[in-house]
N, C-alpha and C. Protein backbone atom coordinates (compact mmCIF):
# COMPACT_ATOMS: atom_id res chain seq x y z
N UNK A 1 108.71 109.65 88.40
CA UNK A 1 106.70 109.68 88.37
C UNK A 1 106.95 108.57 89.33
N UNK A 2 106.00 108.66 90.97
CA UNK A 2 105.06 107.74 91.58
C UNK A 2 103.28 107.60 91.09
N UNK A 3 103.45 106.63 90.98
CA UNK A 3 102.36 106.04 90.15
C UNK A 3 101.61 104.97 91.63
N UNK A 4 100.27 105.24 91.38
CA UNK A 4 99.51 104.27 92.77
C UNK A 4 98.92 103.55 91.99
N UNK A 5 98.37 102.25 92.21
CA UNK A 5 97.89 101.39 91.41
C UNK A 5 96.44 100.88 92.36
N UNK A 6 95.42 100.80 91.98
CA UNK A 6 94.50 100.40 93.18
C UNK A 6 93.82 99.07 92.29
N UNK A 7 93.65 97.88 92.88
CA UNK A 7 93.31 96.89 92.13
C UNK A 7 91.78 96.19 92.69
N UNK A 8 90.63 95.81 92.11
CA UNK A 8 89.68 95.43 93.11
C UNK A 8 89.38 94.10 92.29
N UNK A 9 89.60 93.03 93.16
CA UNK A 9 89.37 91.88 92.81
C UNK A 9 88.70 90.93 93.79
N UNK A 10 88.45 89.85 93.40
CA UNK A 10 87.65 88.59 94.12
C UNK A 10 88.08 88.63 95.36
N UNK A 11 87.25 88.59 96.10
CA UNK A 11 88.31 87.42 97.79
C UNK A 11 88.97 86.51 97.77
N UNK A 12 88.42 85.51 96.48
CA UNK A 12 89.13 84.28 96.54
C UNK A 12 90.37 84.49 95.64
N UNK A 13 90.67 85.57 95.19
CA UNK A 13 91.96 85.39 94.52
C UNK A 13 93.05 86.01 94.93
N UNK A 14 93.10 86.85 96.37
CA UNK A 14 93.80 87.55 97.17
C UNK A 14 94.85 86.75 97.58
N UNK A 15 95.15 85.86 97.71
CA UNK A 15 96.78 84.87 97.64
C UNK A 15 96.89 84.85 96.60
N UNK A 16 96.63 84.61 95.20
CA UNK A 16 96.73 84.35 93.99
C UNK A 16 97.56 85.86 93.62
N UNK A 17 96.98 87.30 93.85
CA UNK A 17 97.66 88.05 93.36
C UNK A 17 98.71 88.61 94.76
N UNK A 18 98.47 88.09 96.12
CA UNK A 18 100.22 88.69 96.55
C UNK A 18 101.30 87.71 96.30
N UNK A 19 100.39 86.58 95.62
CA UNK A 19 102.00 85.86 95.55
C UNK A 19 102.68 86.15 94.33
N UNK A 20 101.71 86.56 93.26
CA UNK A 20 102.56 87.31 92.16
C UNK A 20 103.01 88.59 91.96
N UNK A 21 102.35 89.01 93.28
CA UNK A 21 102.95 90.72 93.39
C UNK A 21 104.70 89.73 93.71
N UNK A 22 104.74 88.67 95.16
CA UNK A 22 105.90 88.95 95.41
C UNK A 22 106.95 87.98 94.28
N UNK A 23 105.94 87.51 93.53
CA UNK A 23 107.16 86.99 92.35
C UNK A 23 107.73 88.07 91.66
N UNK A 24 107.44 89.55 90.99
CA UNK A 24 107.69 90.18 90.75
C UNK A 24 108.70 91.33 91.64
N UNK A 25 108.94 91.10 92.82
CA UNK A 25 109.41 91.63 94.25
C UNK A 25 108.60 93.08 93.79
N UNK A 26 107.33 93.07 93.88
CA UNK A 26 106.61 94.05 94.63
C UNK A 26 105.86 93.93 96.38
N UNK A 27 106.84 94.18 97.13
CA UNK A 27 106.84 94.24 98.20
C UNK A 27 105.73 95.39 99.26
N UNK A 28 105.44 96.49 99.14
CA UNK A 28 104.68 97.33 99.74
C UNK A 28 103.40 97.36 99.46
N UNK A 29 102.27 96.55 99.88
CA UNK A 29 101.41 96.69 99.59
C UNK A 29 100.49 96.73 100.67
N UNK A 30 99.11 97.53 100.39
CA UNK A 30 98.08 97.80 101.60
C UNK A 30 96.69 97.08 100.78
N UNK A 31 96.31 96.08 101.95
CA UNK A 31 94.94 95.48 101.06
C UNK A 31 93.78 95.24 102.42
N UNK A 32 92.69 95.66 101.78
CA UNK A 32 91.28 96.09 102.42
C UNK A 32 90.44 94.93 101.89
N UNK A 33 89.60 94.82 102.94
CA UNK A 33 88.14 94.38 102.46
C UNK A 33 87.20 95.57 102.20
N UNK A 34 86.42 95.54 101.01
CA UNK A 34 85.76 96.28 100.30
C UNK A 34 84.48 95.59 99.83
N UNK A 35 83.33 96.34 100.13
CA UNK A 35 82.03 95.69 99.69
C UNK A 35 81.80 96.73 98.19
N UNK A 36 81.15 96.32 97.33
CA UNK A 36 80.87 96.84 95.97
C UNK A 36 80.18 95.93 94.61
N UNK A 37 79.78 96.52 93.84
CA UNK A 37 79.52 95.67 92.56
C UNK A 37 79.42 96.71 91.23
N UNK A 38 79.61 95.52 90.14
CA UNK A 38 79.74 96.48 88.98
C UNK A 38 78.45 95.96 88.18
N UNK A 39 78.60 95.61 87.00
CA UNK A 39 77.87 94.80 86.14
C UNK A 39 76.87 93.71 86.45
N UNK A 40 77.68 93.14 87.28
CA UNK A 40 76.58 92.21 87.27
C UNK A 40 75.98 92.77 88.77
N UNK A 41 75.69 93.54 89.09
CA UNK A 41 74.99 94.71 90.16
C UNK A 41 74.43 93.53 91.29
N UNK A 42 75.05 92.62 92.24
CA UNK A 42 75.18 91.78 93.33
C UNK A 42 74.57 90.52 93.19
N UNK A 43 73.84 89.68 93.89
CA UNK A 43 73.56 88.61 93.38
C UNK A 43 72.34 87.60 93.85
N UNK A 44 71.63 87.00 93.71
CA UNK A 44 70.56 86.43 94.69
C UNK A 44 71.14 85.05 95.72
N UNK A 45 70.24 85.00 96.61
CA UNK A 45 71.11 84.21 97.71
C UNK A 45 69.49 83.68 98.65
N UNK A 46 69.65 82.44 98.86
CA UNK A 46 68.63 82.00 99.74
C UNK A 46 69.25 82.08 101.11
N UNK A 47 68.33 82.81 101.92
CA UNK A 47 68.64 82.45 103.36
C UNK A 47 67.36 82.19 104.25
N UNK A 48 67.83 80.76 104.90
CA UNK A 48 66.33 80.30 105.51
C UNK A 48 65.44 80.70 104.76
N UNK A 49 65.81 79.98 103.20
CA UNK A 49 64.02 79.83 102.48
C UNK A 49 63.61 80.50 102.07
N UNK A 50 64.42 81.55 102.14
CA UNK A 50 63.81 83.31 101.89
C UNK A 50 65.07 83.61 100.48
N UNK A 51 64.31 84.41 99.31
CA UNK A 51 65.34 84.27 98.57
C UNK A 51 65.85 86.24 98.55
N UNK A 52 66.91 86.32 99.10
CA UNK A 52 67.68 87.71 99.52
C UNK A 52 68.17 88.32 97.80
N UNK A 53 68.17 89.56 97.77
CA UNK A 53 69.01 90.12 97.07
C UNK A 53 70.17 90.69 97.48
N UNK A 54 71.13 89.98 97.30
CA UNK A 54 72.58 90.94 97.76
C UNK A 54 72.92 91.61 96.76
N UNK A 55 73.01 92.88 97.37
CA UNK A 55 73.60 94.26 96.26
C UNK A 55 74.71 94.42 96.53
N UNK A 56 75.63 94.03 97.35
CA UNK A 56 77.26 94.30 97.29
C UNK A 56 77.98 93.39 97.58
N UNK A 57 78.60 93.15 96.93
CA UNK A 57 79.75 91.84 96.37
C UNK A 57 81.08 92.19 97.60
N UNK A 58 81.31 91.21 98.23
CA UNK A 58 82.80 91.30 98.67
C UNK A 58 83.72 90.90 98.17
N UNK A 59 84.50 91.89 97.87
CA UNK A 59 86.00 92.45 97.34
C UNK A 59 87.09 92.71 97.95
N UNK A 60 88.25 92.39 97.46
CA UNK A 60 89.65 93.23 97.81
C UNK A 60 90.15 93.93 97.24
N UNK A 61 90.73 94.51 97.80
CA UNK A 61 91.43 96.19 97.05
C UNK A 61 92.73 95.97 97.54
N UNK A 62 93.36 96.20 96.60
CA UNK A 62 94.77 96.33 96.26
C UNK A 62 95.47 97.28 96.47
N UNK A 63 96.22 98.34 97.05
CA UNK A 63 96.68 99.57 96.72
C UNK A 63 98.24 99.51 96.91
N UNK A 64 99.13 99.90 96.13
CA UNK A 64 100.53 99.82 95.50
C UNK A 64 100.87 100.91 94.97
N UNK A 65 102.15 101.47 95.42
CA UNK A 65 102.81 102.36 94.98
C UNK A 65 103.93 102.02 94.17
N UNK A 66 104.69 102.19 93.10
CA UNK A 66 105.46 102.44 92.71
C UNK A 66 106.08 103.67 91.94
N UNK A 67 107.84 103.32 91.48
CA UNK A 67 107.75 104.47 91.35
C UNK A 67 108.64 104.71 89.49
N UNK A 68 107.84 103.61 88.61
CA UNK A 68 108.30 104.33 87.28
C UNK A 68 106.91 103.42 86.58
N UNK A 69 106.87 103.72 85.20
CA UNK A 69 106.36 103.55 84.34
C UNK A 69 106.02 102.09 84.08
N UNK A 70 107.22 101.96 84.07
CA UNK A 70 107.61 100.29 83.82
C UNK A 70 107.44 99.60 84.91
N UNK A 71 107.60 99.39 85.91
CA UNK A 71 106.78 99.09 87.21
C UNK A 71 105.09 99.05 87.27
N UNK A 72 104.83 100.19 87.03
CA UNK A 72 103.43 100.13 86.71
C UNK A 72 102.71 99.20 85.76
N UNK A 73 103.44 98.81 84.65
CA UNK A 73 103.07 97.84 83.52
C UNK A 73 103.26 96.48 84.17
N UNK A 74 104.46 96.17 84.96
CA UNK A 74 105.06 95.29 85.70
C UNK A 74 103.39 94.46 86.39
N UNK A 75 103.37 95.50 87.35
CA UNK A 75 102.53 95.40 88.58
C UNK A 75 101.32 94.87 87.44
N UNK A 76 100.45 95.55 86.90
CA UNK A 76 99.43 95.74 86.48
C UNK A 76 99.20 93.81 86.00
N UNK A 77 100.14 93.86 84.86
CA UNK A 77 100.00 92.71 84.44
C UNK A 77 100.40 91.54 85.38
N UNK A 78 101.24 91.75 86.34
CA UNK A 78 101.15 90.41 87.51
C UNK A 78 99.33 90.44 88.02
N UNK A 79 98.99 91.50 88.23
CA UNK A 79 97.62 91.35 89.20
C UNK A 79 96.72 90.90 88.06
N UNK A 80 96.60 91.18 86.70
CA UNK A 80 95.64 90.96 85.99
C UNK A 80 95.24 89.50 85.61
N UNK A 81 97.26 88.93 85.66
CA UNK A 81 97.36 87.46 85.52
C UNK A 81 96.29 86.13 86.77
N UNK A 82 97.10 87.16 87.96
CA UNK A 82 96.12 85.94 89.09
C UNK A 82 95.27 86.20 89.25
N UNK A 83 94.66 87.73 88.93
CA UNK A 83 92.92 87.60 89.50
C UNK A 83 92.27 87.21 88.47
N UNK A 84 92.21 87.04 87.14
CA UNK A 84 91.71 86.59 85.65
C UNK A 84 90.84 85.15 86.44
N UNK A 85 89.62 85.24 86.46
CA UNK A 85 88.72 84.15 86.30
C UNK A 85 87.93 83.84 84.76
N UNK A 86 87.80 85.05 84.07
CA UNK A 86 87.07 85.06 82.73
C UNK A 86 85.68 85.44 83.09
N UNK A 87 85.47 85.14 84.43
CA UNK A 87 84.05 85.82 84.21
C UNK A 87 83.35 87.02 85.15
N UNK A 88 82.44 87.39 84.79
CA UNK A 88 81.84 88.67 85.61
C UNK A 88 82.12 88.69 86.97
N UNK A 89 82.97 89.88 87.15
CA UNK A 89 82.94 90.40 88.50
C UNK A 89 84.24 90.01 89.04
N UNK A 90 85.63 89.80 87.73
CA UNK A 90 86.78 89.33 88.27
C UNK A 90 87.66 90.67 88.94
N UNK A 91 87.22 91.82 88.45
CA UNK A 91 87.40 93.43 88.68
C UNK A 91 87.76 94.45 88.31
N UNK A 92 88.33 95.69 88.66
CA UNK A 92 88.90 96.65 87.90
C UNK A 92 90.47 96.79 88.78
N UNK A 93 91.20 97.49 87.63
CA UNK A 93 92.52 98.13 87.65
C UNK A 93 92.93 99.24 87.53
N UNK A 94 93.19 100.15 88.61
CA UNK A 94 93.38 101.51 87.91
C UNK A 94 94.67 101.91 88.12
N UNK A 95 95.33 103.24 87.64
CA UNK A 95 96.34 103.80 88.00
C UNK A 95 96.58 105.23 87.93
N UNK A 96 97.26 105.59 89.02
CA UNK A 96 97.15 107.30 88.56
C UNK A 96 98.52 107.73 89.14
N UNK A 97 99.21 108.84 88.43
CA UNK A 97 99.92 109.77 89.23
C UNK A 97 100.00 110.02 90.71
N UNK A 98 100.87 110.30 91.01
CA UNK A 98 100.46 110.77 92.86
C UNK A 98 102.00 111.46 93.07
N UNK A 99 100.90 113.05 93.35
CA UNK A 99 101.77 114.46 93.33
C UNK A 99 102.76 114.26 93.95
N UNK A 100 102.74 113.32 95.45
CA UNK A 100 103.87 113.25 96.46
C UNK A 100 103.72 112.50 97.44
N UNK A 101 104.76 112.42 97.82
CA UNK A 101 104.56 111.19 98.59
C UNK A 101 105.99 111.63 100.09
N UNK A 102 105.51 111.39 101.19
CA UNK A 102 106.29 111.39 102.72
C UNK A 102 106.77 110.11 102.99
N UNK A 103 107.86 109.82 103.47
CA UNK A 103 108.04 108.80 104.56
C UNK A 103 107.80 109.29 106.23
N UNK A 104 107.05 108.99 106.53
CA UNK A 104 106.63 109.90 107.89
C UNK A 104 108.09 110.21 109.26
N UNK A 105 108.54 108.55 109.06
CA UNK A 105 109.75 108.60 110.22
C UNK A 105 111.22 109.46 109.64
N UNK A 106 111.46 109.09 108.21
CA UNK A 106 112.74 110.22 108.12
C UNK A 106 112.21 111.38 107.21
N UNK A 107 111.24 111.73 107.14
CA UNK A 107 110.62 112.94 106.45
C UNK A 107 111.09 112.46 105.12
N UNK A 108 111.87 111.30 104.45
CA UNK A 108 112.21 111.97 102.56
C UNK A 108 110.98 111.69 102.10
N UNK A 109 111.10 112.50 100.45
CA UNK A 109 109.98 112.35 99.98
C UNK A 109 110.13 111.55 98.93
N UNK A 110 109.23 112.24 97.69
CA UNK A 110 109.21 111.71 96.37
C UNK A 110 109.86 109.70 96.07
N UNK A 111 110.35 109.84 95.65
CA UNK A 111 111.05 108.21 95.11
C UNK A 111 111.38 107.74 96.57
N UNK A 112 112.62 108.80 97.17
CA UNK A 112 113.26 108.04 98.64
C UNK A 112 111.73 107.53 99.37
N UNK A 113 111.10 108.63 99.51
CA UNK A 113 109.99 107.78 100.41
C UNK A 113 109.29 106.88 99.90
N UNK A 114 109.22 106.15 98.94
CA UNK A 114 108.74 104.61 98.17
C UNK A 114 109.91 103.29 98.31
N UNK A 115 111.15 104.14 98.33
CA UNK A 115 112.19 103.18 98.36
C UNK A 115 112.08 102.03 99.89
N UNK A 116 112.35 100.79 99.79
CA UNK A 116 113.25 99.86 100.75
C UNK A 116 114.39 100.53 101.12
N UNK A 117 114.60 100.68 102.53
CA UNK A 117 115.84 100.31 103.03
C UNK A 117 116.39 99.32 103.27
N UNK A 118 117.78 99.59 102.52
CA UNK A 118 118.73 98.42 102.08
C UNK A 118 119.45 98.42 103.16
C-alpha cells in the first residue's frame, strides 16, 4: 500500500517538522508555502494605523509518500509532535491511499517507485 500524508502547519514550525522527519529517516518530502484559515478565520493586524482583517494565514504544506501503514503512523506522530504548540492554528494532517506511483526516469511503479536507490 502506498500512502500520501499531507500536513498543513504553522510557517514557523517548518524546521522543527523537517528535523523530526529527518530523525525518523523520512527523506522524500515536498514543501509548499500555502495560505488558508481554519477555526481562527484569519486575524486582525494594524497597518499604517488602520486595522485590517487578514483572512488568509500563511502556512506550510508538507507532502510525504510512504510505503506502509507503519510508516504512516510514525510519520504522522513525528509531524504532530514537531508542529504542536497547543494553540488554535497548529494545523491538520491528512492521509490517504495512492492508487499508483511511477518514477519518471526508470518507469518503476508502486513500491519500487517511492524507494530511494541504494
